[in-house]
């Protein structure tokens, strides 16, 4: 797992800015999990990075404010038995979180008017339906 991790487009994170930590994980694996450090914790200092464009960095810090601890984004992976696969899973997860957080905001919705014909058709249908229901009442018996 060496080399840069692509976030989006041509922007990538250098390996030097990623901090890996390994520990014993729970889950499948039997006695194997008691002896090997397969859980992976990947930390990325979002506040101190120089690899992201300033606009992306500001956007990510704003959107991920609830997930950050002192400006550091942490991702864990422990669903696989091997440390290698957990490393890959954590890297993919980190890239996905950063790609989503740095995405540009959606275009604002331009409000449109409801066409007059649709409104008239709706009111005509409501009137017809109410006539049908009124005809079912036992008033005139």
N, C-alpha and C. Protein backbone atom coordinates (compact mmCIF):
# COMPACT_ATOMS: atom_id res chain seq x y z
N UNK A 1 0.83 -1.19 0.00
CA UNK A 1 0.00 0.00 0.00
C UNK A 1 0.87 1.25 0.00
N UNK A 2 1.76 1.37 -0.93
CA UNK A 2 2.57 2.56 -0.99
C UNK A 2 2.14 3.39 -2.18
N UNK A 3 2.52 4.65 -2.15
CA UNK A 3 2.15 5.54 -3.24
C UNK A 3 1.02 6.46 -2.83
N UNK A 4 0.73 7.43 -3.69
CA UNK A 4 -0.32 8.40 -3.36
C UNK A 4 -1.71 7.79 -3.48
N UNK A 5 -2.63 8.32 -2.69
CA UNK A 5 -4.03 7.88 -2.71
C UNK A 5 -4.84 8.96 -3.40
N UNK A 6 -5.47 8.61 -4.50
CA UNK A 6 -6.23 9.58 -5.29
C UNK A 6 -7.53 9.91 -4.58
N UNK A 7 -7.76 11.20 -4.39
CA UNK A 7 -9.00 11.67 -3.78
C UNK A 7 -10.05 11.89 -4.86
N UNK A 8 -9.75 12.80 -5.78
CA UNK A 8 -10.65 13.11 -6.87
C UNK A 8 -9.84 13.82 -7.94
N UNK A 9 -10.03 13.40 -9.18
CA UNK A 9 -9.32 14.02 -10.29
C UNK A 9 -7.82 13.78 -10.19
N UNK A 10 -7.05 14.84 -10.23
CA UNK A 10 -5.60 14.70 -10.16
C UNK A 10 -5.06 14.94 -8.76
N UNK A 11 -5.94 15.21 -7.81
CA UNK A 11 -5.51 15.48 -6.43
C UNK A 11 -5.35 14.17 -5.68
N UNK A 12 -4.19 14.01 -5.04
CA UNK A 12 -3.94 12.78 -4.29
C UNK A 12 -3.24 13.12 -2.98
N UNK A 13 -3.30 12.16 -2.04
CA UNK A 13 -2.67 12.34 -0.74
C UNK A 13 -1.35 11.58 -0.73
N UNK A 14 -0.26 12.22 -0.37
CA UNK A 14 1.01 11.49 -0.29
C UNK A 14 1.03 10.55 0.91
N UNK A 15 1.74 9.46 0.78
CA UNK A 15 1.84 8.45 1.85
C UNK A 15 2.40 9.05 3.14
N UNK A 16 3.25 10.06 3.01
CA UNK A 16 3.90 10.66 4.18
C UNK A 16 2.90 11.37 5.10
N UNK A 17 1.76 11.80 4.57
CA UNK A 17 0.77 12.51 5.39
C UNK A 17 -0.22 11.58 6.06
N UNK A 18 -0.14 10.29 5.79
CA UNK A 18 -1.06 9.32 6.40
C UNK A 18 -0.38 8.65 7.58
N UNK A 19 -1.13 8.51 8.67
CA UNK A 19 -0.60 7.84 9.86
C UNK A 19 -1.39 6.55 10.07
N UNK A 20 -0.71 5.43 10.07
CA UNK A 20 -1.34 4.12 10.23
C UNK A 20 -1.13 3.64 11.65
N UNK A 21 -2.16 2.98 12.19
CA UNK A 21 -2.05 2.33 13.50
C UNK A 21 -2.75 1.00 13.42
N UNK A 22 -2.17 -0.01 14.02
CA UNK A 22 -2.72 -1.36 13.95
C UNK A 22 -2.97 -1.88 15.35
N UNK A 23 -4.07 -2.65 15.49
CA UNK A 23 -4.40 -3.24 16.78
C UNK A 23 -5.18 -4.52 16.55
N UNK A 24 -5.41 -5.24 17.60
CA UNK A 24 -6.16 -6.49 17.49
C UNK A 24 -7.63 -6.16 17.31
N UNK A 25 -8.26 -6.87 16.40
CA UNK A 25 -9.66 -6.59 16.14
C UNK A 25 -10.53 -7.74 16.58
N UNK A 26 -11.80 -7.44 16.76
CA UNK A 26 -12.75 -8.49 17.09
C UNK A 26 -13.33 -9.02 15.80
N UNK A 27 -14.24 -9.94 15.89
CA UNK A 27 -14.90 -10.42 14.69
C UNK A 27 -14.38 -11.76 14.24
N UNK A 28 -14.63 -12.11 12.96
CA UNK A 28 -14.29 -13.44 12.47
C UNK A 28 -12.79 -13.69 12.48
N UNK A 29 -12.42 -14.94 12.63
CA UNK A 29 -11.00 -15.28 12.57
C UNK A 29 -10.59 -16.27 13.63
N UNK A 30 -11.46 -16.58 14.56
CA UNK A 30 -11.12 -17.57 15.59
C UNK A 30 -9.94 -17.13 16.44
N UNK A 31 -9.03 -18.07 16.70
CA UNK A 31 -7.86 -17.76 17.53
C UNK A 31 -6.91 -16.81 16.82
N UNK A 32 -7.04 -16.73 15.50
CA UNK A 32 -6.17 -15.86 14.71
C UNK A 32 -6.27 -14.40 15.17
N UNK A 33 -7.49 -13.95 15.53
CA UNK A 33 -7.66 -12.54 15.91
C UNK A 33 -7.01 -12.23 17.25
N UNK A 34 -6.76 -13.26 18.05
CA UNK A 34 -6.14 -13.02 19.35
C UNK A 34 -4.64 -12.81 19.25
N UNK A 35 -4.07 -13.12 18.09
CA UNK A 35 -2.62 -13.06 17.98
C UNK A 35 -2.11 -12.05 16.96
N UNK A 36 -2.98 -11.52 16.09
CA UNK A 36 -2.48 -10.64 15.04
C UNK A 36 -3.16 -9.28 15.08
N UNK A 37 -2.42 -8.27 14.70
CA UNK A 37 -2.93 -6.90 14.69
C UNK A 37 -3.54 -6.60 13.32
N UNK A 38 -4.81 -6.93 13.17
CA UNK A 38 -5.43 -6.77 11.86
C UNK A 38 -6.31 -5.53 11.74
N UNK A 39 -6.76 -4.96 12.84
CA UNK A 39 -7.57 -3.75 12.76
C UNK A 39 -6.67 -2.58 12.35
N UNK A 40 -7.17 -1.77 11.43
CA UNK A 40 -6.38 -0.66 10.92
C UNK A 40 -7.08 0.64 11.26
N UNK A 41 -6.31 1.60 11.73
CA UNK A 41 -6.81 2.95 11.99
C UNK A 41 -5.94 3.89 11.15
N UNK A 42 -6.58 4.58 10.23
CA UNK A 42 -5.88 5.50 9.34
C UNK A 42 -6.24 6.92 9.73
N UNK A 43 -5.20 7.71 10.01
CA UNK A 43 -5.42 9.09 10.43
C UNK A 43 -4.81 10.03 9.39
N UNK A 44 -5.54 11.12 9.12
CA UNK A 44 -5.09 12.12 8.15
C UNK A 44 -5.30 13.50 8.74
N UNK A 45 -4.21 14.28 8.84
CA UNK A 45 -4.29 15.62 9.41
C UNK A 45 -4.83 16.57 8.35
N UNK A 46 -6.13 16.75 8.37
CA UNK A 46 -6.80 17.59 7.37
C UNK A 46 -6.46 19.06 7.56
N UNK A 47 -6.36 19.49 8.81
CA UNK A 47 -6.09 20.91 9.08
C UNK A 47 -4.67 21.30 8.67
N UNK A 48 -3.73 20.36 8.76
CA UNK A 48 -2.34 20.70 8.49
C UNK A 48 -1.82 20.25 7.14
N UNK A 49 -2.67 19.71 6.30
CA UNK A 49 -2.20 19.18 5.02
C UNK A 49 -1.90 20.30 4.01
N UNK A 50 -0.94 20.04 3.15
CA UNK A 50 -0.61 20.96 2.07
C UNK A 50 -0.96 20.33 0.72
N UNK A 51 -1.44 19.08 0.73
CA UNK A 51 -1.67 18.37 -0.53
C UNK A 51 -3.03 18.69 -1.16
N UNK A 52 -3.96 19.23 -0.39
CA UNK A 52 -5.27 19.58 -0.93
C UNK A 52 -5.31 21.06 -1.29
N UNK A 53 -6.01 21.42 -2.36
CA UNK A 53 -6.19 22.84 -2.68
C UNK A 53 -6.90 23.54 -1.52
N UNK A 54 -6.60 24.81 -1.35
CA UNK A 54 -7.12 25.56 -0.20
C UNK A 54 -8.65 25.58 -0.16
N UNK A 55 -9.29 25.68 -1.32
CA UNK A 55 -10.76 25.70 -1.37
C UNK A 55 -11.31 24.36 -0.89
N UNK A 56 -10.72 23.26 -1.35
CA UNK A 56 -11.17 21.92 -0.93
C UNK A 56 -10.96 21.73 0.56
N UNK A 57 -9.82 22.18 1.04
CA UNK A 57 -9.48 22.02 2.45
C UNK A 57 -10.49 22.74 3.34
N UNK A 58 -10.80 23.98 2.96
CA UNK A 58 -11.76 24.77 3.74
C UNK A 58 -13.14 24.11 3.72
N UNK A 59 -13.55 23.64 2.53
CA UNK A 59 -14.84 22.97 2.38
C UNK A 59 -14.90 21.70 3.22
N UNK A 60 -13.82 20.90 3.19
CA UNK A 60 -13.78 19.64 3.94
C UNK A 60 -13.79 19.90 5.44
N UNK A 61 -13.04 20.90 5.89
CA UNK A 61 -13.00 21.22 7.33
C UNK A 61 -14.40 21.64 7.81
N UNK A 62 -15.11 22.35 6.98
CA UNK A 62 -16.45 22.81 7.35
C UNK A 62 -17.43 21.64 7.39
N UNK A 63 -17.39 20.78 6.36
CA UNK A 63 -18.36 19.68 6.27
C UNK A 63 -18.06 18.54 7.24
N UNK A 64 -16.79 18.32 7.56
CA UNK A 64 -16.43 17.20 8.44
C UNK A 64 -16.15 17.66 9.87
N UNK A 65 -16.61 18.83 10.23
CA UNK A 65 -16.31 19.39 11.56
C UNK A 65 -16.70 18.44 12.68
N UNK A 66 -17.82 17.73 12.53
CA UNK A 66 -18.27 16.81 13.58
C UNK A 66 -17.45 15.53 13.67
N UNK A 67 -16.72 15.19 12.62
CA UNK A 67 -15.93 13.96 12.58
C UNK A 67 -14.48 14.16 12.95
N UNK A 68 -14.03 15.40 12.99
CA UNK A 68 -12.62 15.69 13.21
C UNK A 68 -12.28 15.79 14.69
N UNK A 69 -11.07 15.37 15.01
CA UNK A 69 -10.53 15.53 16.35
C UNK A 69 -9.25 16.33 16.21
N UNK A 70 -9.27 17.58 16.63
CA UNK A 70 -8.12 18.48 16.48
C UNK A 70 -7.67 18.57 15.02
N UNK A 71 -8.61 18.58 14.10
CA UNK A 71 -8.29 18.71 12.69
C UNK A 71 -7.83 17.43 12.03
N UNK A 72 -7.93 16.30 12.75
CA UNK A 72 -7.47 15.02 12.21
C UNK A 72 -8.68 14.13 11.92
N UNK A 73 -8.73 13.59 10.70
CA UNK A 73 -9.79 12.68 10.29
C UNK A 73 -9.32 11.25 10.51
N UNK A 74 -10.12 10.45 11.20
CA UNK A 74 -9.76 9.06 11.51
C UNK A 74 -10.75 8.11 10.87
N UNK A 75 -10.21 7.05 10.24
CA UNK A 75 -11.03 6.02 9.60
C UNK A 75 -10.54 4.68 10.11
N UNK A 76 -11.48 3.80 10.48
CA UNK A 76 -11.12 2.45 10.96
C UNK A 76 -11.64 1.40 10.01
N UNK A 77 -10.93 0.27 9.95
CA UNK A 77 -11.37 -0.87 9.16
C UNK A 77 -10.94 -2.14 9.88
N UNK A 78 -11.91 -3.04 10.11
CA UNK A 78 -11.58 -4.31 10.78
C UNK A 78 -12.45 -5.45 10.27
N UNK A 79 -13.05 -5.27 9.09
CA UNK A 79 -13.98 -6.29 8.61
C UNK A 79 -13.31 -7.48 7.94
N UNK A 80 -12.04 -7.36 7.62
CA UNK A 80 -11.33 -8.48 6.97
C UNK A 80 -10.37 -9.15 7.95
N UNK A 81 -9.99 -10.38 7.62
CA UNK A 81 -9.06 -11.10 8.49
C UNK A 81 -7.62 -10.64 8.30
N UNK A 82 -7.31 -10.13 7.13
CA UNK A 82 -5.91 -9.76 6.89
C UNK A 82 -5.72 -8.25 7.05
N UNK A 83 -4.56 -7.90 7.58
CA UNK A 83 -4.24 -6.50 7.78
C UNK A 83 -4.15 -5.79 6.43
N UNK A 84 -3.64 -6.45 5.42
CA UNK A 84 -3.49 -5.86 4.10
C UNK A 84 -4.84 -5.41 3.53
N UNK A 85 -5.84 -6.30 3.61
CA UNK A 85 -7.17 -5.96 3.08
C UNK A 85 -7.82 -4.87 3.91
N UNK A 86 -7.58 -4.85 5.22
CA UNK A 86 -8.11 -3.78 6.06
C UNK A 86 -7.44 -2.45 5.73
N UNK A 87 -6.16 -2.49 5.38
CA UNK A 87 -5.46 -1.26 4.96
C UNK A 87 -6.10 -0.72 3.69
N UNK A 88 -6.36 -1.61 2.75
CA UNK A 88 -6.99 -1.19 1.50
C UNK A 88 -8.38 -0.60 1.76
N UNK A 89 -9.15 -1.27 2.62
CA UNK A 89 -10.50 -0.81 2.94
C UNK A 89 -10.46 0.57 3.60
N UNK A 90 -9.52 0.78 4.52
CA UNK A 90 -9.41 2.07 5.20
C UNK A 90 -9.01 3.17 4.22
N UNK A 91 -8.11 2.86 3.31
CA UNK A 91 -7.67 3.86 2.33
C UNK A 91 -8.81 4.24 1.39
N UNK A 92 -9.56 3.25 0.95
CA UNK A 92 -10.71 3.53 0.07
C UNK A 92 -11.75 4.36 0.81
N UNK A 93 -12.00 4.02 2.07
CA UNK A 93 -12.98 4.75 2.88
C UNK A 93 -12.55 6.21 3.08
N UNK A 94 -11.26 6.41 3.37
CA UNK A 94 -10.75 7.77 3.57
C UNK A 94 -10.90 8.58 2.28
N UNK A 95 -10.52 7.98 1.15
CA UNK A 95 -10.64 8.68 -0.13
C UNK A 95 -12.09 9.03 -0.43
N UNK A 96 -13.02 8.11 -0.11
CA UNK A 96 -14.44 8.36 -0.36
C UNK A 96 -14.97 9.50 0.51
N UNK A 97 -14.58 9.50 1.78
CA UNK A 97 -15.03 10.56 2.70
C UNK A 97 -14.51 11.90 2.23
N UNK A 98 -13.23 11.96 1.85
CA UNK A 98 -12.65 13.22 1.40
C UNK A 98 -13.25 13.67 0.06
N UNK A 99 -13.51 12.72 -0.84
CA UNK A 99 -14.11 13.08 -2.13
C UNK A 99 -15.49 13.69 -1.93
N UNK A 100 -16.26 13.10 -1.03
CA UNK A 100 -17.61 13.62 -0.76
C UNK A 100 -17.55 14.98 -0.07
N UNK A 101 -16.60 15.13 0.85
CA UNK A 101 -16.51 16.38 1.62
C UNK A 101 -15.97 17.53 0.78
N UNK A 102 -15.17 17.22 -0.24
CA UNK A 102 -14.58 18.29 -1.05
C UNK A 102 -15.36 18.57 -2.32
N UNK A 103 -16.44 17.83 -2.55
CA UNK A 103 -17.25 18.02 -3.77
C UNK A 103 -17.86 19.41 -3.76
N UNK A 104 -17.98 20.02 -4.93
CA UNK A 104 -18.60 21.35 -4.96
C UNK A 104 -20.07 21.29 -4.56
N UNK A 105 -20.59 22.37 -4.00
CA UNK A 105 -22.00 22.35 -3.60
C UNK A 105 -22.89 22.25 -4.83
N UNK A 106 -24.07 21.65 -4.69
CA UNK A 106 -24.96 21.53 -5.84
C UNK A 106 -25.46 22.91 -6.29
N UNK A 107 -25.83 22.98 -7.57
CA UNK A 107 -26.35 24.24 -8.09
C UNK A 107 -27.66 24.56 -7.37
N UNK A 108 -27.91 25.83 -7.07
CA UNK A 108 -29.17 26.17 -6.40
C UNK A 108 -30.35 25.91 -7.33
N UNK A 109 -31.43 25.46 -6.76
CA UNK A 109 -32.62 25.13 -7.53
C UNK A 109 -33.33 26.42 -7.94
N UNK A 110 -33.66 26.49 -9.21
CA UNK A 110 -34.42 27.64 -9.68
C UNK A 110 -35.90 27.31 -9.54
N UNK A 111 -36.63 28.07 -8.75
CA UNK A 111 -38.05 27.76 -8.57
C UNK A 111 -38.82 27.97 -9.87
N UNK A 112 -39.72 27.06 -10.16
CA UNK A 112 -40.54 27.17 -11.37
C UNK A 112 -42.00 27.26 -10.96
N UNK A 113 -42.81 27.84 -11.85
CA UNK A 113 -44.24 27.95 -11.57
C UNK A 113 -44.96 26.71 -12.05
N UNK A 114 -46.03 26.36 -11.34
CA UNK A 114 -46.87 25.25 -11.77
C UNK A 114 -47.70 25.75 -12.95
N UNK A 115 -47.70 25.03 -14.06
CA UNK A 115 -48.50 25.49 -15.22
C UNK A 115 -49.98 25.58 -14.87
N UNK A 116 -50.64 26.57 -15.47
CA UNK A 116 -52.04 26.85 -15.16
C UNK A 116 -52.95 25.66 -15.50
N UNK A 117 -52.66 24.99 -16.60
CA UNK A 117 -53.48 23.86 -17.02
C UNK A 117 -53.46 22.72 -16.01
N UNK A 118 -52.30 22.47 -15.43
CA UNK A 118 -52.19 21.40 -14.44
C UNK A 118 -53.02 21.73 -13.21
N UNK A 119 -52.94 22.98 -12.77
CA UNK A 119 -53.71 23.40 -11.60
C UNK A 119 -55.21 23.29 -11.87
N UNK A 120 -55.65 23.74 -13.04
CA UNK A 120 -57.08 23.66 -13.38
C UNK A 120 -57.55 22.21 -13.46
N UNK A 121 -56.72 21.33 -14.05
CA UNK A 121 -57.07 19.92 -14.16
C UNK A 121 -57.21 19.29 -12.76
N UNK A 122 -56.30 19.66 -11.86
CA UNK A 122 -56.36 19.14 -10.49
C UNK A 122 -57.65 19.57 -9.81
N UNK A 123 -57.99 20.84 -9.94
CA UNK A 123 -59.22 21.34 -9.30
C UNK A 123 -60.48 20.72 -9.91
N UNK A 124 -60.47 20.52 -11.24
CA UNK A 124 -61.60 19.88 -11.91
C UNK A 124 -61.78 18.45 -11.39
N UNK A 125 -60.68 17.73 -11.24
CA UNK A 125 -60.72 16.34 -10.76
C UNK A 125 -61.21 16.29 -9.30
N UNK A 126 -60.78 17.26 -8.49
CA UNK A 126 -61.24 17.31 -7.10
C UNK A 126 -62.74 17.52 -7.04
N UNK A 127 -63.24 18.43 -7.89
CA UNK A 127 -64.67 18.72 -7.91
C UNK A 127 -65.47 17.49 -8.33
N UNK A 128 -64.98 16.78 -9.36
CA UNK A 128 -65.66 15.59 -9.84
C UNK A 128 -65.67 14.51 -8.76
N UNK A 129 -64.59 14.37 -8.06
CA UNK A 129 -64.49 13.36 -7.00
C UNK A 129 -65.44 13.70 -5.85
N UNK A 130 -65.53 14.98 -5.50
CA UNK A 130 -66.42 15.36 -4.40
C UNK A 130 -67.88 15.13 -4.78
N UNK A 131 -68.22 15.37 -6.07
CA UNK A 131 -69.58 15.10 -6.54
C UNK A 131 -69.90 13.61 -6.42
N UNK A 132 -68.93 12.77 -6.79
CA UNK A 132 -69.12 11.32 -6.69
C UNK A 132 -69.38 10.92 -5.25
N UNK A 133 -68.61 11.46 -4.33
CA UNK A 133 -68.76 11.09 -2.92
C UNK A 133 -70.05 11.65 -2.34
N UNK A 134 -70.43 12.86 -2.76
CA UNK A 134 -71.66 13.44 -2.25
C UNK A 134 -72.87 12.61 -2.74
N UNK A 135 -72.77 12.06 -3.94
CA UNK A 135 -73.84 11.22 -4.47
C UNK A 135 -74.03 9.93 -3.68
N UNK A 136 -73.04 9.53 -2.92
CA UNK A 136 -73.14 8.29 -2.14
C UNK A 136 -73.85 8.52 -0.80
N UNK A 137 -73.98 9.73 -0.37
CA UNK A 137 -74.57 9.97 0.96
C UNK A 137 -76.06 9.66 0.92
N UNK A 138 -76.65 9.34 2.07
CA UNK A 138 -78.05 8.94 2.16
C UNK A 138 -78.93 10.12 2.55
N UNK A 139 -78.62 11.32 2.09
CA UNK A 139 -79.38 12.50 2.45
C UNK A 139 -80.78 12.51 1.85
N UNK A 140 -80.90 12.17 0.58
CA UNK A 140 -82.15 12.34 -0.13
C UNK A 140 -83.09 11.15 -0.01
N UNK A 141 -82.85 10.22 0.83
CA UNK A 141 -83.70 9.01 0.91
C UNK A 141 -84.99 9.32 1.53
